[in-house]
Amino acid sequence: MNENEKAVKTMSKVGKWNLVLGIVTIVSGISMGVVLIVHGAKLIRQKYQILI
């Protein structure tokens, strides 16, 4: 295996990991956004129950 084949193999591995990390980041961002929206809605709903 020469230097060019090693470089291509390394770049393909790095590209695959970048793709995987990008997908994980998108999924975690969407899930955290949903959690924040749900909790925000819960707080707004409970706001009307508080009497000062």
N, C-alpha and C. Protein backbone atom coordinates (compact mmCIF):
# COMPACT_ATOMS: atom_id res chain seq x y z
N MET A 1 0.85 -1.18 0.00
CA MET A 1 0.00 0.00 0.00
C MET A 1 0.90 1.24 0.00
N ASN A 2 0.69 2.10 -0.99
CA ASN A 2 1.53 3.29 -1.06
C ASN A 2 0.90 4.45 -0.29
N GLU A 3 1.56 5.58 -0.33
CA GLU A 3 1.13 6.75 0.45
C GLU A 3 -0.24 7.26 0.01
N ASN A 4 -0.50 7.26 -1.30
CA ASN A 4 -1.78 7.76 -1.80
C ASN A 4 -2.93 6.88 -1.33
N GLU A 5 -2.75 5.58 -1.33
CA GLU A 5 -3.81 4.67 -0.88
C GLU A 5 -4.09 4.85 0.61
N LYS A 6 -3.02 5.06 1.39
CA LYS A 6 -3.18 5.30 2.82
C LYS A 6 -3.94 6.60 3.06
N ALA A 7 -3.60 7.63 2.31
CA ALA A 7 -4.26 8.93 2.47
C ALA A 7 -5.74 8.82 2.12
N VAL A 8 -6.05 8.12 1.02
CA VAL A 8 -7.45 7.97 0.61
C VAL A 8 -8.22 7.17 1.64
N LYS A 9 -7.61 6.12 2.17
CA LYS A 9 -8.28 5.30 3.19
C LYS A 9 -8.53 6.11 4.46
N THR A 10 -7.54 6.89 4.89
CA THR A 10 -7.68 7.72 6.07
C THR A 10 -8.76 8.78 5.87
N MET A 11 -8.77 9.41 4.71
CA MET A 11 -9.77 10.44 4.44
C MET A 11 -11.18 9.86 4.39
N SER A 12 -11.32 8.64 3.89
CA SER A 12 -12.66 8.04 3.85
C SER A 12 -13.15 7.71 5.25
N LYS A 13 -12.24 7.26 6.13
CA LYS A 13 -12.62 7.00 7.52
C LYS A 13 -13.02 8.29 8.22
N VAL A 14 -12.25 9.34 8.01
CA VAL A 14 -12.55 10.63 8.63
C VAL A 14 -13.88 11.16 8.11
N GLY A 15 -14.14 11.01 6.83
CA GLY A 15 -15.40 11.45 6.25
C GLY A 15 -16.59 10.72 6.84
N LYS A 16 -16.44 9.41 7.04
CA LYS A 16 -17.52 8.62 7.64
C LYS A 16 -17.79 9.08 9.07
N TRP A 17 -16.73 9.32 9.84
CA TRP A 17 -16.91 9.76 11.23
C TRP A 17 -17.52 11.16 11.28
N ASN A 18 -17.14 12.03 10.36
CA ASN A 18 -17.75 13.36 10.31
C ASN A 18 -19.24 13.26 10.02
N LEU A 19 -19.62 12.37 9.13
CA LEU A 19 -21.02 12.16 8.82
C LEU A 19 -21.78 11.64 10.03
N VAL A 20 -21.21 10.66 10.72
CA VAL A 20 -21.85 10.09 11.90
C VAL A 20 -22.01 11.15 12.99
N LEU A 21 -20.96 11.91 13.25
CA LEU A 21 -21.03 12.95 14.28
C LEU A 21 -22.01 14.04 13.91
N GLY A 22 -22.10 14.38 12.63
CA GLY A 22 -23.08 15.36 12.19
C GLY A 22 -24.50 14.89 12.42
N ILE A 23 -24.77 13.64 12.10
CA ILE A 23 -26.11 13.08 12.31
C ILE A 23 -26.44 13.04 13.80
N VAL A 24 -25.50 12.62 14.63
CA VAL A 24 -25.73 12.57 16.08
C VAL A 24 -25.99 13.98 16.62
N THR A 25 -25.25 14.96 16.14
CA THR A 25 -25.45 16.34 16.58
C THR A 25 -26.82 16.86 16.19
N ILE A 26 -27.25 16.57 14.98
CA ILE A 26 -28.58 17.02 14.53
C ILE A 26 -29.68 16.36 15.36
N VAL A 27 -29.56 15.05 15.58
CA VAL A 27 -30.59 14.33 16.33
C VAL A 27 -30.64 14.84 17.78
N SER A 28 -29.49 15.03 18.39
CA SER A 28 -29.49 15.51 19.78
C SER A 28 -30.01 16.94 19.86
N GLY A 29 -29.71 17.77 18.89
CA GLY A 29 -30.22 19.13 18.87
C GLY A 29 -31.73 19.18 18.73
N ILE A 30 -32.27 18.34 17.85
CA ILE A 30 -33.73 18.29 17.68
C ILE A 30 -34.39 17.78 18.95
N SER A 31 -33.82 16.75 19.55
CA SER A 31 -34.44 16.20 20.76
C SER A 31 -34.38 17.21 21.91
N MET A 32 -33.29 17.92 22.05
CA MET A 32 -33.20 18.93 23.11
C MET A 32 -34.17 20.09 22.84
N GLY A 33 -34.35 20.45 21.59
CA GLY A 33 -35.32 21.49 21.24
C GLY A 33 -36.73 21.08 21.62
N VAL A 34 -37.08 19.82 21.34
CA VAL A 34 -38.41 19.33 21.70
C VAL A 34 -38.59 19.34 23.22
N VAL A 35 -37.57 18.91 23.95
CA VAL A 35 -37.64 18.90 25.41
C VAL A 35 -37.84 20.32 25.95
N LEU A 36 -37.10 21.28 25.39
CA LEU A 36 -37.23 22.67 25.85
C LEU A 36 -38.61 23.24 25.54
N ILE A 37 -39.16 22.92 24.38
CA ILE A 37 -40.50 23.39 24.03
C ILE A 37 -41.54 22.80 24.97
N VAL A 38 -41.42 21.51 25.26
CA VAL A 38 -42.38 20.85 26.15
C VAL A 38 -42.32 21.45 27.54
N HIS A 39 -41.12 21.64 28.07
CA HIS A 39 -41.00 22.20 29.41
C HIS A 39 -41.43 23.66 29.46
N GLY A 40 -41.17 24.41 28.39
CA GLY A 40 -41.63 25.79 28.33
C GLY A 40 -43.15 25.87 28.33
N ALA A 41 -43.78 24.99 27.57
CA ALA A 41 -45.24 24.96 27.54
C ALA A 41 -45.80 24.58 28.91
N LYS A 42 -45.13 23.67 29.58
CA LYS A 42 -45.57 23.26 30.92
C LYS A 42 -45.47 24.42 31.90
N LEU A 43 -44.39 25.20 31.81
CA LEU A 43 -44.23 26.36 32.70
C LEU A 43 -45.28 27.43 32.41
N ILE A 44 -45.57 27.66 31.14
CA ILE A 44 -46.59 28.66 30.79
C ILE A 44 -47.96 28.21 31.31
N ARG A 45 -48.26 26.93 31.18
CA ARG A 45 -49.53 26.42 31.66
C ARG A 45 -49.64 26.55 33.18
N GLN A 46 -48.54 26.32 33.91
CA GLN A 46 -48.55 26.43 35.36
C GLN A 46 -48.54 27.88 35.85
N LYS A 47 -48.16 28.81 34.98
CA LYS A 47 -48.10 30.21 35.35
C LYS A 47 -49.49 30.72 35.77
N TYR A 48 -50.52 30.23 35.12
CA TYR A 48 -51.87 30.70 35.41
C TYR A 48 -52.41 30.13 36.73
N GLN A 49 -51.76 29.11 37.27
CA GLN A 49 -52.19 28.53 38.52
C GLN A 49 -51.62 29.24 39.74
N ILE A 50 -50.65 30.10 39.53
CA ILE A 50 -49.98 30.79 40.64
C ILE A 50 -50.75 32.05 40.97
N LEU A 51 -51.10 32.20 42.22
CA LEU A 51 -51.79 33.41 42.71
C LEU A 51 -50.82 34.18 43.61
N ILE A 52 -50.68 35.45 43.34
CA ILE A 52 -49.76 36.26 44.14
C ILE A 52 -50.57 37.21 44.99
